[in-house]
Amino acid sequence: MAGDIKKLQPIIVKKIKKGGHGHHGGAWKIAYADFVTAMMAFFLLMWLLGSTTEGDRQGIADYFNSPLKVALLSSGSGAGDASHVIKGGGQDLSRATGQVKRGDVEAKRDTVNLHALKQEQLRAEIARLEDLKKKVENKIGENARLAAMASQIRLDMTRDGLRIQIVDEQNRPMFASGSAVVQPYMRELLQEIGQVLTDVPNRLTLEGHTDSLPFAAGERGYSNWELSADRANASRRELVSGGLADDRVLRVQGLASSQPFDTADPKAPSNRRISIIVMNRDAEDRMFRTAPEVADALEPASLAPSVVTPVVPFVTKTDGAAR
């Protein structure tokens, strides 16, 4: 009986699958496509930011910070320039003209501000040089010995700044005849001027001039060119003795008789002179070639070459016996 029961039990067979890889479907392809799309969008964003002006980027930032405020109150490429009641949404591509980049507008504004600043600096410098001119006049008037030489002093405003000229007179030459030896009264005058010039930071140019009478040795030897340069340098030493810092002098040059004071009489004593030019900033920039060319267009009329105005009336003497 027991044997019959064992024969009637069902036989269960278990099948076990070993090894192999199953199929996971296409989900990874979708994830990879999303990644590639995101990378493409990222690099496209980087390219757009690199090709956008600073003004446009600022406009975009303002729009996302307060879009309604920018749309209502702003215009230009930063907030959109579409032809709608409320500006926004970018430039109107149907319009071919009349659209200006915000960066270009800001550049023009900066140029205008630079010009205005330049004009303000020039006005302040003119006022400072005018004040210096009055100080020199007062210094000469307060000293009796210098007041006696007032007829030989010329003060005027030029394109390069304040020009102080000391001209020669027949009875009162500035230097010994045919040499660069400074006369005592001339030395005192130059030292007083050097003391006054310490009050301003401007650099100086010294120019020596002579009349047209040539030396006996001719132009191949020691000539008016050497003489005018030596006299200008001798004047520089006296200015330094008066307290002027040596590094304030930017240029010392001799011009001989190339720029006569009295053009009607090249041999006149007034052509023998020393010019001290207190240079303005524009003149310094032109010398160092660092200023833009537009600076000349900004030059005010008060800095243009003017007629020389002496401290007191000047009478020209045409006796050229002394050099």
Protein backbone atom coordinates (compact mmCIF):
# COMPACT_ATOMS: atom_id res chain seq x y z
CA MET A 1 0.00 0.00 0.00
CA ALA A 2 2.75 2.38 0.86
CA GLY A 3 4.46 1.63 -2.38
CA ASP A 4 1.37 2.54 -4.29
CA ILE A 5 1.19 5.98 -2.57
CA LYS A 6 4.81 6.75 -3.59
CA LYS A 7 4.00 5.89 -7.15
CA LEU A 8 1.04 8.29 -7.19
CA GLN A 9 3.11 11.41 -6.03
CA PRO A 10 3.72 13.95 -8.88
CA ILE A 11 7.23 14.52 -10.11
CA ILE A 12 8.25 18.29 -9.98
CA VAL A 13 11.08 19.38 -12.28
CA LYS A 14 12.92 22.70 -11.55
CA LYS A 15 14.74 24.42 -14.40
CA ILE A 16 17.46 26.93 -13.32
CA LYS A 17 18.84 29.41 -15.84
CA LYS A 18 22.50 30.27 -15.35
CA GLY A 19 24.60 33.21 -16.72
CA GLY A 20 23.71 35.49 -19.66
CA HIS A 21 22.61 39.15 -19.74
CA GLY A 22 19.13 40.34 -20.09
CA HIS A 23 17.90 43.12 -22.40
CA HIS A 24 17.47 46.47 -20.52
CA GLY A 25 15.55 48.36 -23.15
CA GLY A 26 16.32 51.90 -24.61
CA ALA A 27 16.23 54.07 -21.45
CA TRP A 28 19.98 54.76 -21.60
CA LYS A 29 19.65 56.21 -25.07
CA ILE A 30 17.14 58.77 -23.83
CA ALA A 31 19.42 59.73 -20.92
CA TYR A 32 22.41 60.11 -23.25
CA ALA A 33 20.39 62.22 -25.68
CA ASP A 34 19.33 64.50 -22.82
CA PHE A 35 22.96 64.86 -21.74
CA VAL A 36 24.14 65.74 -25.27
CA THR A 37 21.31 68.26 -25.64
CA ALA A 38 22.20 69.88 -22.33
CA MET A 39 25.87 70.15 -23.30
CA MET A 40 24.98 71.68 -26.66
CA ALA A 41 22.72 74.21 -24.94
CA PHE A 42 25.51 75.03 -22.46
CA PHE A 43 28.11 75.68 -25.16
CA LEU A 44 25.60 77.69 -27.17
CA LEU A 45 24.95 79.82 -24.09
CA MET A 46 28.69 80.33 -23.60
CA TRP A 47 29.07 81.41 -27.23
CA LEU A 48 26.19 83.86 -26.97
CA LEU A 49 27.58 85.40 -23.79
CA GLY A 50 31.00 85.75 -25.39
CA SER A 51 29.60 87.59 -28.41
CA THR A 52 27.29 89.89 -26.42
CA THR A 53 28.35 93.39 -25.39
CA GLU A 54 28.60 94.38 -21.75
CA GLY A 55 25.61 96.68 -22.13
CA ASP A 56 23.46 93.87 -23.53
CA ARG A 57 24.48 91.52 -20.71
CA GLN A 58 23.59 94.15 -18.14
CA GLY A 59 20.25 94.69 -19.83
CA ILE A 60 19.51 90.96 -19.75
CA ALA A 61 20.43 90.84 -16.06
CA ASP A 62 18.17 93.82 -15.32
CA TYR A 63 15.33 92.20 -17.20
CA PHE A 64 15.45 88.96 -15.20
CA ASN A 65 15.82 90.88 -11.92
CA SER A 66 12.75 93.07 -12.60
CA PRO A 67 11.26 92.30 -16.02
CA LEU A 68 8.17 94.49 -15.73
CA LYS A 69 10.12 97.53 -14.54
CA VAL A 70 12.65 97.19 -17.32
CA ALA A 71 9.99 96.66 -19.95
CA LEU A 72 8.06 99.75 -18.92
CA LEU A 73 10.86 102.19 -18.17
CA SER A 74 13.79 101.13 -20.37
CA SER A 75 14.53 100.94 -24.04
CA GLY A 76 17.32 99.76 -26.29
CA SER A 77 18.81 96.36 -26.79
CA GLY A 78 18.93 95.64 -23.06
CA ALA A 79 15.14 95.58 -22.63
CA GLY A 80 14.12 94.98 -26.20
CA ASP A 81 13.33 97.45 -28.91
CA ALA A 82 10.24 95.97 -30.51
CA SER A 83 7.61 98.40 -31.76
CA HIS A 84 4.97 97.71 -29.15
CA VAL A 85 3.24 99.79 -26.50
CA ILE A 86 5.30 98.00 -23.84
CA LYS A 87 8.88 97.49 -24.94
CA GLY A 88 10.30 94.05 -24.46
CA GLY A 89 11.19 90.86 -26.22
CA GLY A 90 14.33 91.98 -28.06
CA GLN A 91 14.98 94.09 -31.10
CA ASP A 92 12.38 94.47 -33.78
CA LEU A 93 13.85 92.45 -36.65
CA SER A 94 11.45 94.10 -39.10
CA ARG A 95 13.23 97.44 -38.61
CA ALA A 96 16.45 97.92 -40.55
CA THR A 97 17.41 101.29 -39.04
CA GLY A 98 17.10 103.18 -35.80
CA GLN A 99 18.40 100.44 -33.53
CA VAL A 100 21.43 101.31 -31.43
CA LYS A 101 23.22 98.93 -29.14
CA ARG A 102 23.21 99.87 -25.50
CA GLY A 103 26.97 99.37 -25.39
CA ASP A 104 27.40 101.89 -28.22
CA VAL A 105 25.26 104.42 -26.37
CA GLU A 106 27.33 103.98 -23.21
CA ALA A 107 30.55 104.38 -25.21
CA LYS A 108 29.29 107.67 -26.66
CA ARG A 109 28.27 108.82 -23.19
CA ASP A 110 31.73 108.00 -21.85
CA THR A 111 33.33 110.01 -24.70
CA VAL A 112 31.15 113.02 -23.91
CA ASN A 113 32.01 112.73 -20.21
CA LEU A 114 35.72 112.52 -21.08
CA HIS A 115 35.49 115.68 -23.18
CA ALA A 116 33.62 117.49 -20.42
CA LEU A 117 36.27 116.43 -17.90
CA LYS A 118 39.01 117.62 -20.25
CA GLN A 119 37.34 121.00 -20.61
CA GLU A 120 36.98 121.33 -16.86
CA GLN A 121 40.66 120.51 -16.35
CA LEU A 122 41.65 123.10 -18.94
CA ARG A 123 39.53 125.77 -17.28
CA ALA A 124 41.06 125.02 -13.90
CA GLU A 125 44.56 125.14 -15.40
CA ILE A 126 43.88 128.46 -17.11
CA ALA A 127 42.69 129.92 -13.82
CA ARG A 128 45.85 128.66 -12.09
CA LEU A 129 48.10 130.19 -14.75
CA GLU A 130 46.22 133.49 -14.64
CA ASP A 131 46.76 133.55 -10.89
CA LEU A 132 50.47 132.87 -11.45
CA LYS A 133 50.62 135.75 -13.92
CA LYS A 134 49.23 138.12 -11.29
CA LYS A 135 51.73 136.85 -8.71
CA VAL A 136 54.64 137.56 -11.04
CA GLU A 137 53.34 141.05 -11.73
CA ASN A 138 52.88 141.72 -8.01
CA LYS A 139 56.34 140.36 -7.22
CA ILE A 140 57.90 142.74 -9.73
CA GLY A 141 55.85 145.69 -8.52
CA GLU A 142 56.77 145.13 -4.87
CA ASN A 143 60.53 145.22 -5.55
CA ALA A 144 61.85 148.64 -6.53
CA ARG A 145 64.87 147.23 -8.38
CA LEU A 146 62.73 144.78 -10.31
CA ALA A 147 60.11 147.45 -11.02
CA ALA A 148 62.81 149.39 -12.87
CA MET A 149 63.03 146.40 -15.25
CA ALA A 150 59.28 146.12 -15.77
CA SER A 151 59.53 147.52 -19.28
CA GLN A 152 61.58 144.48 -20.27
CA ILE A 153 59.09 141.89 -19.02
CA ARG A 154 56.27 140.45 -21.14
CA LEU A 155 53.53 138.21 -19.75
CA ASP A 156 51.00 136.55 -22.03
CA MET A 157 48.93 133.38 -22.40
CA THR A 158 49.82 131.17 -25.35
CA ARG A 159 48.69 127.82 -26.69
CA ASP A 160 51.36 126.12 -24.56
CA GLY A 161 50.65 128.02 -21.34
CA LEU A 162 51.89 131.17 -19.58
CA ARG A 163 54.87 132.75 -21.32
CA ILE A 164 57.22 135.04 -19.39
CA GLN A 165 59.58 136.90 -21.69
CA ILE A 166 62.51 139.05 -20.59
CA VAL A 167 63.63 141.20 -23.50
CA ASP A 168 66.86 143.10 -23.87
CA GLU A 169 67.25 146.87 -23.91
CA GLN A 170 70.16 148.81 -25.28
CA ASN A 171 70.92 150.48 -21.97
CA ARG A 172 70.12 147.42 -19.86
CA PRO A 173 71.31 144.18 -21.53
CA MET A 174 70.53 140.91 -19.80
CA PHE A 175 73.88 139.33 -20.63
CA ALA A 176 77.38 140.51 -21.31
CA SER A 177 77.89 141.32 -24.96
CA GLY A 178 78.33 138.18 -27.06
CA SER A 179 78.34 135.83 -24.04
CA ALA A 180 76.06 133.98 -21.64
CA VAL A 181 77.29 135.78 -18.50
CA VAL A 182 74.18 136.93 -16.61
CA GLN A 183 74.13 140.55 -15.44
CA PRO A 184 73.53 141.03 -11.66
CA TYR A 185 70.10 142.67 -12.04
CA MET A 186 69.06 139.94 -14.46
CA ARG A 187 70.20 137.32 -11.95
CA GLU A 188 68.02 138.86 -9.24
CA LEU A 189 65.01 138.95 -11.54
CA LEU A 190 65.37 135.32 -12.59
CA GLN A 191 65.78 134.15 -9.00
CA GLU A 192 62.62 136.02 -7.96
CA ILE A 193 60.71 134.43 -10.84
CA GLY A 194 62.08 131.00 -9.87
CA GLN A 195 60.78 131.49 -6.35
CA VAL A 196 57.29 132.38 -7.61
CA LEU A 197 57.23 129.39 -10.00
CA THR A 198 57.62 126.98 -7.09
CA ASP A 199 53.93 127.58 -6.27
CA VAL A 200 52.70 125.72 -9.37
CA PRO A 201 53.41 122.10 -10.41
CA ASN A 202 53.63 122.80 -14.15
CA ARG A 203 56.77 121.94 -16.10
CA LEU A 204 58.83 124.62 -17.86
CA THR A 205 60.41 125.26 -21.23
CA LEU A 206 63.23 127.79 -21.57
CA GLU A 207 64.02 129.39 -24.91
CA GLY A 208 66.93 131.67 -25.80
CA HIS A 209 66.67 134.17 -28.65
CA THR A 210 69.16 136.53 -30.29
CA ASP A 211 69.05 139.25 -32.92
CA SER A 212 70.18 138.61 -36.47
CA LEU A 213 73.66 140.14 -36.14
CA PRO A 214 76.14 137.32 -36.93
CA PHE A 215 79.38 136.55 -35.16
CA ALA A 216 82.65 137.47 -36.84
CA ALA A 217 83.61 133.79 -37.06
CA GLY A 218 80.51 133.08 -39.11
CA GLU A 219 77.90 130.37 -38.70
CA ARG A 220 80.46 127.54 -38.84
CA GLY A 221 82.03 128.51 -35.51
CA TYR A 222 80.38 129.70 -32.31
CA SER A 223 77.18 131.26 -33.62
CA ASN A 224 73.88 132.67 -32.44
CA TRP A 225 72.60 129.12 -32.08
CA GLU A 226 75.16 128.25 -29.44
CA LEU A 227 74.81 131.67 -27.82
CA SER A 228 71.01 131.44 -27.51
CA ALA A 229 71.22 127.91 -26.06
CA ASP A 230 73.92 128.94 -23.56
CA ARG A 231 71.89 131.94 -22.42
CA ALA A 232 68.77 129.79 -21.95
CA ASN A 233 70.76 127.31 -19.86
CA ALA A 234 72.32 130.11 -17.81
CA SER A 235 68.81 131.38 -17.09
CA ARG A 236 67.82 127.88 -15.99
CA ARG A 237 70.63 127.86 -13.42
CA GLU A 238 69.42 131.16 -11.98
CA LEU A 239 65.85 129.89 -11.70
CA VAL A 240 67.13 126.84 -9.81
CA SER A 241 69.15 129.13 -7.54
CA GLY A 242 65.89 130.91 -6.75
CA GLY A 243 64.34 127.71 -5.41
CA LEU A 244 62.92 126.06 -8.53
CA ALA A 245 63.36 122.27 -8.58
CA ASP A 246 65.68 121.20 -11.39
CA ASP A 247 63.32 118.45 -12.58
CA ARG A 248 60.64 121.06 -13.26
CA VAL A 249 62.51 122.15 -16.39
CA LEU A 250 61.42 119.96 -19.27
CA ARG A 251 63.32 121.54 -22.15
CA VAL A 252 66.04 124.15 -22.74
CA GLN A 253 66.58 125.24 -26.32
CA GLY A 254 68.29 127.96 -28.33
CA LEU A 255 66.39 129.41 -31.28
CA ALA A 256 68.93 132.06 -32.37
CA SER A 257 67.15 134.68 -34.53
CA SER A 258 64.59 132.26 -36.04
CA GLN A 259 61.66 133.80 -34.11
CA PRO A 260 62.23 137.56 -33.84
CA PHE A 261 60.17 139.57 -31.39
CA ASP A 262 60.33 142.63 -33.65
CA THR A 263 59.70 141.20 -37.10
CA ALA A 264 60.09 144.64 -38.70
CA ASP A 265 63.67 144.98 -37.43
CA PRO A 266 65.50 141.64 -36.96
CA LYS A 267 68.47 143.51 -35.43
CA ALA A 268 66.41 145.24 -32.73
CA PRO A 269 67.56 144.70 -29.10
CA SER A 270 64.09 143.35 -28.18
CA ASN A 271 64.83 140.26 -30.28
CA ARG A 272 67.48 139.30 -27.71
CA ARG A 273 65.32 137.70 -25.05
CA ILE A 274 64.66 134.74 -22.78
CA SER A 275 61.26 133.02 -22.86
CA ILE A 276 60.07 131.02 -19.84
CA ILE A 277 56.96 129.01 -20.73
CA VAL A 278 54.95 127.53 -17.88
CA MET A 279 53.49 124.63 -19.83
CA ASN A 280 49.93 123.46 -19.53
CA ARG A 281 49.09 119.74 -19.47
CA ASP A 282 48.13 119.68 -23.13
CA ALA A 283 51.53 121.06 -24.13
CA GLU A 284 53.30 118.44 -22.01
CA ASP A 285 51.22 115.68 -23.59
CA ARG A 286 52.05 116.90 -27.08
CA MET A 287 55.74 116.87 -26.21
CA PHE A 288 55.60 113.31 -24.92
CA ARG A 289 53.12 112.29 -27.65
CA THR A 290 50.76 110.67 -25.16
CA ALA A 291 47.66 112.78 -25.66
CA PRO A 292 45.02 111.88 -28.30
CA GLU A 293 44.89 114.07 -31.37
CA VAL A 294 41.39 115.19 -30.39
CA ALA A 295 42.93 117.18 -27.54
CA ASP A 296 43.85 119.96 -29.96
CA ALA A 297 40.19 120.35 -30.88
CA LEU A 298 39.32 120.82 -27.21
CA GLU A 299 41.71 123.72 -26.80
CA PRO A 300 39.84 126.79 -25.53
CA ALA A 301 40.18 130.14 -27.22
CA SER A 302 41.91 131.59 -24.17
CA LEU A 303 44.91 129.32 -24.79
CA ALA A 304 45.35 130.39 -28.40
CA PRO A 305 48.35 132.59 -29.26
CA SER A 306 47.65 136.14 -28.17
CA VAL A 307 49.20 139.54 -28.51
CA VAL A 308 51.95 140.13 -25.97
CA THR A 309 50.90 142.51 -23.20
CA PRO A 310 53.81 144.12 -21.36
CA VAL A 311 53.68 144.96 -17.69
CA VAL A 312 54.23 148.59 -18.63
CA PRO A 313 54.33 150.26 -22.07
CA PHE A 314 57.39 149.19 -24.02
CA VAL A 315 59.38 151.43 -26.36
CA THR A 316 61.46 149.61 -28.94
CA LYS A 317 64.97 150.88 -29.55
CA THR A 318 66.60 150.00 -32.82
CA ASP A 319 70.21 150.60 -31.89
CA GLY A 320 71.73 147.12 -32.22
CA ALA A 321 75.28 147.91 -31.20
CA ALA A 322 75.18 145.56 -28.20
CA ARG A 323 74.41 141.87 -28.45
